[in-house]
Amino acid sequence: MSELELYKFAQKCEMRWDGEALSIWIEFDNLEEFTDMIGYDYLSDGGLNVNLQQNCIAFDLVEICENYGIEPTNIFVKEV
């Protein structure tokens, strides 16, 4: 997954910084696209800890960014 791919995908999602965590909410309709993007290998090593919500999942995107060498602030600007 490239930084550009993740950036374009993330434009469909709600995101917010909470300290050092970049929370992202992915609606169920977009979940298959996201899992295809991060790949089977990433998910086969234990998956992701997510917060299941009524119509989406939410989780911290920073770990995924670090795993792919992506700077999280390039995906969603962190206000100083």
PDB file of N, CA and C in Angstrom:
ATOM      1  N   MET A   1       0.847  -1.169   0.000  1.00  0.00           N
ATOM      2  CA  MET A   1       0.000   0.000   0.000  1.00  0.00           C
ATOM      3  C   MET A   1       0.895   1.236   0.000  1.00  0.00           C
ATOM      4  N   SER A   2       0.564   2.148  -0.844  1.00  0.00           N
ATOM      5  CA  SER A   2       1.341   3.383  -0.908  1.00  0.00           C
ATOM      6  C   SER A   2       0.661   4.480  -0.095  1.00  0.00           C
ATOM      7  N   GLU A   3       1.428   5.522   0.181  1.00  0.00           N
ATOM      8  CA  GLU A   3       0.881   6.670   0.897  1.00  0.00           C
ATOM      9  C   GLU A   3      -0.262   7.306   0.108  1.00  0.00           C
ATOM     10  N   LEU A   4      -0.107   7.397  -1.198  1.00  0.00           N
ATOM     11  CA  LEU A   4      -1.134   7.994  -2.040  1.00  0.00           C
ATOM     12  C   LEU A   4      -2.419   7.164  -2.014  1.00  0.00           C
ATOM     13  N   GLU A   5      -2.289   5.838  -2.083  1.00  0.00           N
ATOM     14  CA  GLU A   5      -3.468   4.965  -2.018  1.00  0.00           C
ATOM     15  C   GLU A   5      -4.219   5.169  -0.706  1.00  0.00           C
ATOM     16  N   LEU A   6      -3.478   5.186   0.390  1.00  0.00           N
ATOM     17  CA  LEU A   6      -4.112   5.365   1.696  1.00  0.00           C
ATOM     18  C   LEU A   6      -4.731   6.750   1.808  1.00  0.00           C
ATOM     19  N   TYR A   7      -4.042   7.765   1.325  1.00  0.00           N
ATOM     20  CA  TYR A   7      -4.572   9.125   1.369  1.00  0.00           C
ATOM     21  C   TYR A   7      -5.898   9.223   0.613  1.00  0.00           C
ATOM     22  N   LYS A   8      -5.935   8.677  -0.599  1.00  0.00           N
ATOM     23  CA  LYS A   8      -7.163   8.733  -1.403  1.00  0.00           C
ATOM     24  C   LYS A   8      -8.295   7.974  -0.723  1.00  0.00           C
ATOM     25  N   PHE A   9      -7.988   6.811  -0.170  1.00  0.00           N
ATOM     26  CA  PHE A   9      -9.018   6.046   0.535  1.00  0.00           C
ATOM     27  C   PHE A   9      -9.525   6.811   1.749  1.00  0.00           C
ATOM     28  N   ALA A  10      -8.628   7.388   2.506  1.00  0.00           N
ATOM     29  CA  ALA A  10      -8.985   8.066   3.760  1.00  0.00           C
ATOM     30  C   ALA A  10      -9.879   9.276   3.536  1.00  0.00           C
ATOM     31  N   GLN A  11      -9.890   9.813   2.330  1.00  0.00           N
ATOM     32  CA  GLN A  11     -10.754  10.964   2.039  1.00  0.00           C
ATOM     33  C   GLN A  11     -12.236  10.603   2.155  1.00  0.00           C
ATOM     34  N   LYS A  12     -12.554   9.306   2.086  1.00  0.00           N
ATOM     35  CA  LYS A  12     -13.933   8.830   2.224  1.00  0.00           C
ATOM     36  C   LYS A  12     -14.346   8.680   3.688  1.00  0.00           C
ATOM     37  N   CYS A  13     -13.385   8.794   4.593  1.00  0.00           N
ATOM     38  CA  CYS A  13     -13.606   8.436   5.991  1.00  0.00           C
ATOM     39  C   CYS A  13     -13.540   9.649   6.904  1.00  0.00           C
ATOM     40  N   GLU A  14     -14.143   9.488   8.061  1.00  0.00           N
ATOM     41  CA  GLU A  14     -13.981  10.489   9.114  1.00  0.00           C
ATOM     42  C   GLU A  14     -12.702  10.148   9.868  1.00  0.00           C
ATOM     43  N   MET A  15     -11.917  11.159  10.186  1.00  0.00           N
ATOM     44  CA  MET A  15     -10.676  10.958  10.930  1.00  0.00           C
ATOM     45  C   MET A  15     -10.505  12.077  11.941  1.00  0.00           C
ATOM     46  N   ARG A  16      -9.720  11.789  12.983  1.00  0.00           N
ATOM     47  CA  ARG A  16      -9.377  12.833  13.944  1.00  0.00           C
ATOM     48  C   ARG A  16      -8.177  12.365  14.756  1.00  0.00           C
ATOM     49  N   TRP A  17      -7.342  13.327  15.110  1.00  0.00           N
ATOM     50  CA  TRP A  17      -6.213  13.070  15.989  1.00  0.00           C
ATOM     51  C   TRP A  17      -6.684  13.136  17.432  1.00  0.00           C
ATOM     52  N   ASP A  18      -6.211  12.198  18.235  1.00  0.00           N
ATOM     53  CA  ASP A  18      -6.450  12.185  19.678  1.00  0.00           C
ATOM     54  C   ASP A  18      -5.097  11.911  20.321  1.00  0.00           C
ATOM     55  N   GLY A  19      -4.368  12.975  20.609  1.00  0.00           N
ATOM     56  CA  GLY A  19      -2.997  12.813  21.092  1.00  0.00           C
ATOM     57  C   GLY A  19      -2.137  12.269  19.970  1.00  0.00           C
ATOM     58  N   GLU A  20      -1.545  11.108  20.189  1.00  0.00           N
ATOM     59  CA  GLU A  20      -0.696  10.469  19.180  1.00  0.00           C
ATOM     60  C   GLU A  20      -1.442   9.449  18.337  1.00  0.00           C
ATOM     61  N   ALA A  21      -2.735   9.267  18.592  1.00  0.00           N
ATOM     62  CA  ALA A  21      -3.544   8.302  17.846  1.00  0.00           C
ATOM     63  C   ALA A  21      -4.314   9.021  16.737  1.00  0.00           C
ATOM     64  N   LEU A  22      -4.309   8.432  15.550  1.00  0.00           N
ATOM     65  CA  LEU A  22      -5.094   8.937  14.434  1.00  0.00           C
ATOM     66  C   LEU A  22      -6.276   7.988  14.248  1.00  0.00           C
ATOM     67  N   SER A  23      -7.416   8.381  14.773  1.00  0.00           N
ATOM     68  CA  SER A  23      -8.609   7.546  14.673  1.00  0.00           C
ATOM     69  C   SER A  23      -9.225   7.701  13.292  1.00  0.00           C
ATOM     70  N   ILE A  24      -9.646   6.568  12.741  1.00  0.00           N
ATOM     71  CA  ILE A  24     -10.326   6.550  11.449  1.00  0.00           C
ATOM     72  C   ILE A  24     -11.581   5.701  11.592  1.00  0.00           C
ATOM     73  N   TRP A  25     -12.665   6.155  10.970  1.00  0.00           N
ATOM     74  CA  TRP A  25     -13.917   5.419  10.956  1.00  0.00           C
ATOM     75  C   TRP A  25     -14.158   4.952   9.529  1.00  0.00           C
ATOM     76  N   ILE A  26     -14.228   3.628   9.335  1.00  0.00           N
ATOM     77  CA  ILE A  26     -14.437   3.065   8.007  1.00  0.00           C
ATOM     78  C   ILE A  26     -15.818   2.417   7.971  1.00  0.00           C
ATOM     79  N   GLU A  27     -16.676   2.933   7.101  1.00  0.00           N
ATOM     80  CA  GLU A  27     -18.015   2.366   6.954  1.00  0.00           C
ATOM     81  C   GLU A  27     -17.912   0.966   6.363  1.00  0.00           C
ATOM     82  N   PHE A  28     -18.876   0.117   6.706  1.00  0.00           N
ATOM     83  CA  PHE A  28     -18.860  -1.273   6.254  1.00  0.00           C
ATOM     84  C   PHE A  28     -18.776  -1.396   4.736  1.00  0.00           C
ATOM     85  N   ASP A  29     -19.410  -0.481   4.009  1.00  0.00           N
ATOM     86  CA  ASP A  29     -19.370  -0.528   2.540  1.00  0.00           C
ATOM     87  C   ASP A  29     -17.961  -0.363   1.989  1.00  0.00           C
ATOM     88  N   ASN A  30     -17.067   0.247   2.748  1.00  0.00           N
ATOM     89  CA  ASN A  30     -15.695   0.491   2.301  1.00  0.00           C
ATOM     90  C   ASN A  30     -14.687  -0.486   2.900  1.00  0.00           C
ATOM     91  N   LEU A  31     -15.163  -1.395   3.726  1.00  0.00           N
ATOM     92  CA  LEU A  31     -14.260  -2.283   4.456  1.00  0.00           C
ATOM     93  C   LEU A  31     -13.495  -3.243   3.547  1.00  0.00           C
ATOM     94  N   GLU A  32     -14.159  -3.798   2.550  1.00  0.00           N
ATOM     95  CA  GLU A  32     -13.473  -4.731   1.646  1.00  0.00           C
ATOM     96  C   GLU A  32     -12.359  -4.022   0.883  1.00  0.00           C
ATOM     97  N   GLU A  33     -12.615  -2.812   0.425  1.00  0.00           N
ATOM     98  CA  GLU A  33     -11.582  -2.046  -0.278  1.00  0.00           C
ATOM     99  C   GLU A  33     -10.373  -1.820   0.630  1.00  0.00           C
ATOM    100  N   PHE A  34     -10.625  -1.490   1.892  1.00  0.00           N
ATOM    101  CA  PHE A  34      -9.529  -1.253   2.833  1.00  0.00           C
ATOM    102  C   PHE A  34      -8.735  -2.534   3.091  1.00  0.00           C
ATOM    103  N   THR A  35      -9.427  -3.635   3.340  1.00  0.00           N
ATOM    104  CA  THR A  35      -8.708  -4.875   3.635  1.00  0.00           C
ATOM    105  C   THR A  35      -7.926  -5.365   2.415  1.00  0.00           C
ATOM    106  N   ASP A  36      -8.466  -5.164   1.216  1.00  0.00           N
ATOM    107  CA  ASP A  36      -7.718  -5.512   0.001  1.00  0.00           C
ATOM    108  C   ASP A  36      -6.458  -4.647  -0.104  1.00  0.00           C
ATOM    109  N   MET A  37      -6.585  -3.393   0.291  1.00  0.00           N
ATOM    110  CA  MET A  37      -5.473  -2.454   0.187  1.00  0.00           C
ATOM    111  C   MET A  37      -4.335  -2.817   1.157  1.00  0.00           C
ATOM    112  N   ILE A  38      -4.668  -3.182   2.395  1.00  0.00           N
ATOM    113  CA  ILE A  38      -3.591  -3.503   3.340  1.00  0.00           C
ATOM    114  C   ILE A  38      -3.071  -4.921   3.158  1.00  0.00           C
ATOM    115  N   GLY A  39      -3.878  -5.786   2.570  1.00  0.00           N
ATOM    116  CA  GLY A  39      -3.399  -7.101   2.182  1.00  0.00           C
ATOM    117  C   GLY A  39      -3.615  -8.199   3.193  1.00  0.00           C
ATOM    118  N   TYR A  40      -3.666  -9.399   2.667  1.00  0.00           N
ATOM    119  CA  TYR A  40      -3.888 -10.608   3.459  1.00  0.00           C
ATOM    120  C   TYR A  40      -2.796 -10.810   4.505  1.00  0.00           C
ATOM    121  N   ASP A  41      -1.538 -10.592   4.117  1.00  0.00           N
ATOM    122  CA  ASP A  41      -0.422 -10.846   5.028  1.00  0.00           C
ATOM    123  C   ASP A  41      -0.528 -10.025   6.310  1.00  0.00           C
ATOM    124  N   TYR A  42      -0.914  -8.759   6.189  1.00  0.00           N
ATOM    125  CA  TYR A  42      -1.027  -7.903   7.374  1.00  0.00           C
ATOM    126  C   TYR A  42      -2.107  -8.437   8.312  1.00  0.00           C
ATOM    127  N   LEU A  43      -3.214  -8.873   7.753  1.00  0.00           N
ATOM    128  CA  LEU A  43      -4.336  -9.332   8.575  1.00  0.00           C
ATOM    129  C   LEU A  43      -4.128 -10.738   9.112  1.00  0.00           C
ATOM    130  N   SER A  44      -3.305 -11.553   8.476  1.00  0.00           N
ATOM    131  CA  SER A  44      -3.108 -12.927   8.929  1.00  0.00           C
ATOM    132  C   SER A  44      -2.224 -13.017  10.173  1.00  0.00           C
ATOM    133  N   ASP A  45      -1.542 -11.941  10.516  1.00  0.00           N
ATOM    134  CA  ASP A  45      -0.674 -11.941  11.695  1.00  0.00           C
ATOM    135  C   ASP A  45      -1.398 -11.468  12.952  1.00  0.00           C
ATOM    136  N   GLY A  46      -2.688 -11.698  13.047  1.00  0.00           N
ATOM    137  CA  GLY A  46      -3.431 -11.337  14.237  1.00  0.00           C
ATOM    138  C   GLY A  46      -4.501 -10.292  14.005  1.00  0.00           C
ATOM    139  N   GLY A  47      -4.530  -9.706  12.817  1.00  0.00           N
ATOM    140  CA  GLY A  47      -5.573  -8.754  12.488  1.00  0.00           C
ATOM    141  C   GLY A  47      -5.392  -7.407  13.148  1.00  0.00           C
ATOM    142  N   LEU A  48      -6.497  -6.688  13.286  1.00  0.00           N
ATOM    143  CA  LEU A  48      -6.507  -5.355  13.887  1.00  0.00           C
ATOM    144  C   LEU A  48      -7.472  -5.334  15.061  1.00  0.00           C
ATOM    145  N   ASN A  49      -7.121  -4.598  16.087  1.00  0.00           N
ATOM    146  CA  ASN A  49      -8.068  -4.332  17.161  1.00  0.00           C
ATOM    147  C   ASN A  49      -8.908  -3.144  16.729  1.00  0.00           C
ATOM    148  N   VAL A  50     -10.214  -3.356  16.617  1.00  0.00           N
ATOM    149  CA  VAL A  50     -11.113  -2.301  16.157  1.00  0.00           C
ATOM    150  C   VAL A  50     -12.247  -2.113  17.150  1.00  0.00           C
ATOM    151  N   ASN A  51     -12.880  -0.963  17.028  1.00  0.00           N
ATOM    152  CA  ASN A  51     -14.068  -0.663  17.793  1.00  0.00           C
ATOM    153  C   ASN A  51     -15.240  -0.808  16.828  1.00  0.00           C
ATOM    154  N   LEU A  52     -16.076  -1.816  17.062  1.00  0.00           N
ATOM    155  CA  LEU A  52     -17.229  -2.059  16.207  1.00  0.00           C
ATOM    156  C   LEU A  52     -18.336  -1.074  16.571  1.00  0.00           C
ATOM    157  N   GLN A  53     -18.807  -0.344  15.580  1.00  0.00           N
ATOM    158  CA  GLN A  53     -19.872   0.622  15.791  1.00  0.00           C
ATOM    159  C   GLN A  53     -21.083   0.211  14.962  1.00  0.00           C
ATOM    160  N   GLN A  54     -22.143   1.006  14.999  1.00  0.00           N
ATOM    161  CA  GLN A  54     -23.390   0.632  14.338  1.00  0.00           C
ATOM    162  C   GLN A  54     -23.229   0.430  12.833  1.00  0.00           C
ATOM    163  N   ASN A  55     -22.501   1.309  12.158  1.00  0.00           N
ATOM    164  CA  ASN A  55     -22.382   1.206  10.703  1.00  0.00           C
ATOM    165  C   ASN A  55     -20.945   1.298  10.214  1.00  0.00           C
ATOM    166  N   CYS A  56     -19.985   1.099  11.135  1.00  0.00           N
ATOM    167  CA  CYS A  56     -18.579   1.224  10.752  1.00  0.00           C
ATOM    168  C   CYS A  56     -17.687   0.576  11.807  1.00  0.00           C
ATOM    169  N   ILE A  57     -16.400   0.576  11.521  1.00  0.00           N
ATOM    170  CA  ILE A  57     -15.396   0.224  12.526  1.00  0.00           C
ATOM    171  C   ILE A  57     -14.505   1.443  12.720  1.00  0.00           C
ATOM    172  N   ALA A  58     -13.917   1.543  13.893  1.00  0.00           N
ATOM    173  CA  ALA A  58     -12.993   2.640  14.192  1.00  0.00           C
ATOM    174  C   ALA A  58     -11.736   2.046  14.806  1.00  0.00           C
ATOM    175  N   PHE A  59     -10.589   2.626  14.459  1.00  0.00           N
ATOM    176  CA  PHE A  59      -9.322   2.160  15.027  1.00  0.00           C
ATOM    177  C   PHE A  59      -8.254   3.216  14.804  1.00  0.00           C
ATOM    178  N   ASP A  60      -7.104   2.994  15.447  1.00  0.00           N
ATOM    179  CA  ASP A  60      -5.954   3.884  15.318  1.00  0.00           C
ATOM    180  C   ASP A  60      -5.178   3.499  14.062  1.00  0.00           C
ATOM    181  N   LEU A  61      -5.013   4.435  13.161  1.00  0.00           N
ATOM    182  CA  LEU A  61      -4.354   4.195  11.883  1.00  0.00           C
ATOM    183  C   LEU A  61      -2.828   4.290  11.957  1.00  0.00           C
ATOM    184  N   VAL A  62      -2.284   4.803  13.060  1.00  0.00           N
ATOM    185  CA  VAL A  62      -0.843   5.051  13.153  1.00  0.00           C
ATOM    186  C   VAL A  62      -0.024   3.776  12.972  1.00  0.00           C
ATOM    187  N   GLU A  63      -0.416   2.682  13.612  1.00  0.00           N
ATOM    188  CA  GLU A  63       0.353   1.436  13.507  1.00  0.00           C
ATOM    189  C   GLU A  63       0.431   0.948  12.065  1.00  0.00           C
ATOM    190  N   ILE A  64      -0.665   1.035  11.343  1.00  0.00           N
ATOM    191  CA  ILE A  64      -0.666   0.625   9.937  1.00  0.00           C
ATOM    192  C   ILE A  64       0.247   1.531   9.129  1.00  0.00           C
ATOM    193  N   CYS A  65       0.163   2.838   9.368  1.00  0.00           N
ATOM    194  CA  CYS A  65       1.045   3.773   8.668  1.00  0.00           C
ATOM    195  C   CYS A  65       2.506   3.431   8.926  1.00  0.00           C
ATOM    196  N   GLU A  66       2.858   3.186  10.175  1.00  0.00           N
ATOM    197  CA  GLU A  66       4.241   2.852  10.514  1.00  0.00           C
ATOM    198  C   GLU A  66       4.681   1.577   9.822  1.00  0.00           C
ATOM    199  N   ASN A  67       3.801   0.581   9.756  1.00  0.00           N
ATOM    200  CA  ASN A  67       4.130  -0.688   9.123  1.00  0.00           C
ATOM    201  C   ASN A  67       4.430  -0.528   7.632  1.00  0.00           C
ATOM    202  N   TYR A  68       3.781   0.431   6.992  1.00  0.00           N
ATOM    203  CA  TYR A  68       3.977   0.655   5.557  1.00  0.00           C
ATOM    204  C   TYR A  68       4.905   1.826   5.259  1.00  0.00           C
ATOM    205  N   GLY A  69       5.546   2.400   6.271  1.00  0.00           N
ATOM    206  CA  GLY A  69       6.472   3.502   6.060  1.00  0.00           C
ATOM    207  C   GLY A  69       5.789   4.783   5.630  1.00  0.00           C
ATOM    208  N   ILE A  70       4.564   4.983   6.103  1.00  0.00           N
ATOM    209  CA  ILE A  70       3.770   6.163   5.741  1.00  0.00           C
ATOM    210  C   ILE A  70       3.747   7.118   6.924  1.00  0.00           C
ATOM    211  N   GLU A  71       3.951   8.384   6.665  1.00  0.00           N
ATOM    212  CA  GLU A  71       3.862   9.408   7.709  1.00  0.00           C
ATOM    213  C   GLU A  71       2.379   9.722   7.930  1.00  0.00           C
ATOM    214  N   PRO A  72       1.833   9.426   9.120  1.00  0.00           N
ATOM    215  CA  PRO A  72       0.406   9.648   9.364  1.00  0.00           C
ATOM    216  C   PRO A  72      -0.068  11.084   9.140  1.00  0.00           C
ATOM    217  N   THR A  73       0.804  12.064   9.398  1.00  0.00           N
ATOM    218  CA  THR A  73       0.391  13.457   9.193  1.00  0.00           C
ATOM    219  C   THR A  73       0.253  13.803   7.715  1.00  0.00           C
ATOM    220  N   ASN A  74       0.771  12.940   6.825  1.00  0.00           N
ATOM    221  CA  ASN A  74       0.550  13.132   5.387  1.00  0.00           C
ATOM    222  C   ASN A  74      -0.830  12.618   4.972  1.00  0.00           C
ATOM    223  N   ILE A  75      -1.417  11.792   5.808  1.00  0.00           N
ATOM    224  CA  ILE A  75      -2.765  11.261   5.545  1.00  0.00           C
ATOM    225  C   ILE A  75      -3.816  12.212   6.102  1.00  0.00           C
ATOM    226  N   PHE A  76      -3.559  12.745   7.299  1.00  0.00           N
ATOM    227  CA  PHE A  76      -4.467  13.693   7.936  1.00  0.00           C
ATOM    228  C   PHE A  76      -3.636  14.648   8.767  1.00  0.00           C
ATOM    229  N   VAL A  77      -3.704  15.908   8.425  1.00  0.00           N
ATOM    230  CA  VAL A  77      -2.862  16.930   9.072  1.00  0.00           C
ATOM    231  C   VAL A  77      -3.195  17.016  10.556  1.00  0.00           C
ATOM    232  N   LYS A  78      -2.140  17.063  11.352  1.00  0.00           N
ATOM    233  CA  LYS A  78      -2.283  17.205  12.803  1.00  0.00           C
ATOM    234  C   LYS A  78      -2.176  18.670  13.170  1.00  0.00           C
ATOM    235  N   GLU A  79      -3.239  19.209  13.726  1.00  0.00           N
ATOM    236  CA  GLU A  79      -3.234  20.619  14.143  1.00  0.00           C
ATOM    237  C   GLU A  79      -2.306  20.787  15.329  1.00  0.00           C
ATOM    238  N   VAL A  80      -1.506  21.834  15.294  1.00  0.00           N
ATOM    239  CA  VAL A  80      -0.539  22.083  16.374  1.00  0.00           C
ATOM    240  C   VAL A  80      -1.125  23.010  17.406  1.00  0.00           C
TER     241      VAL A  80
END
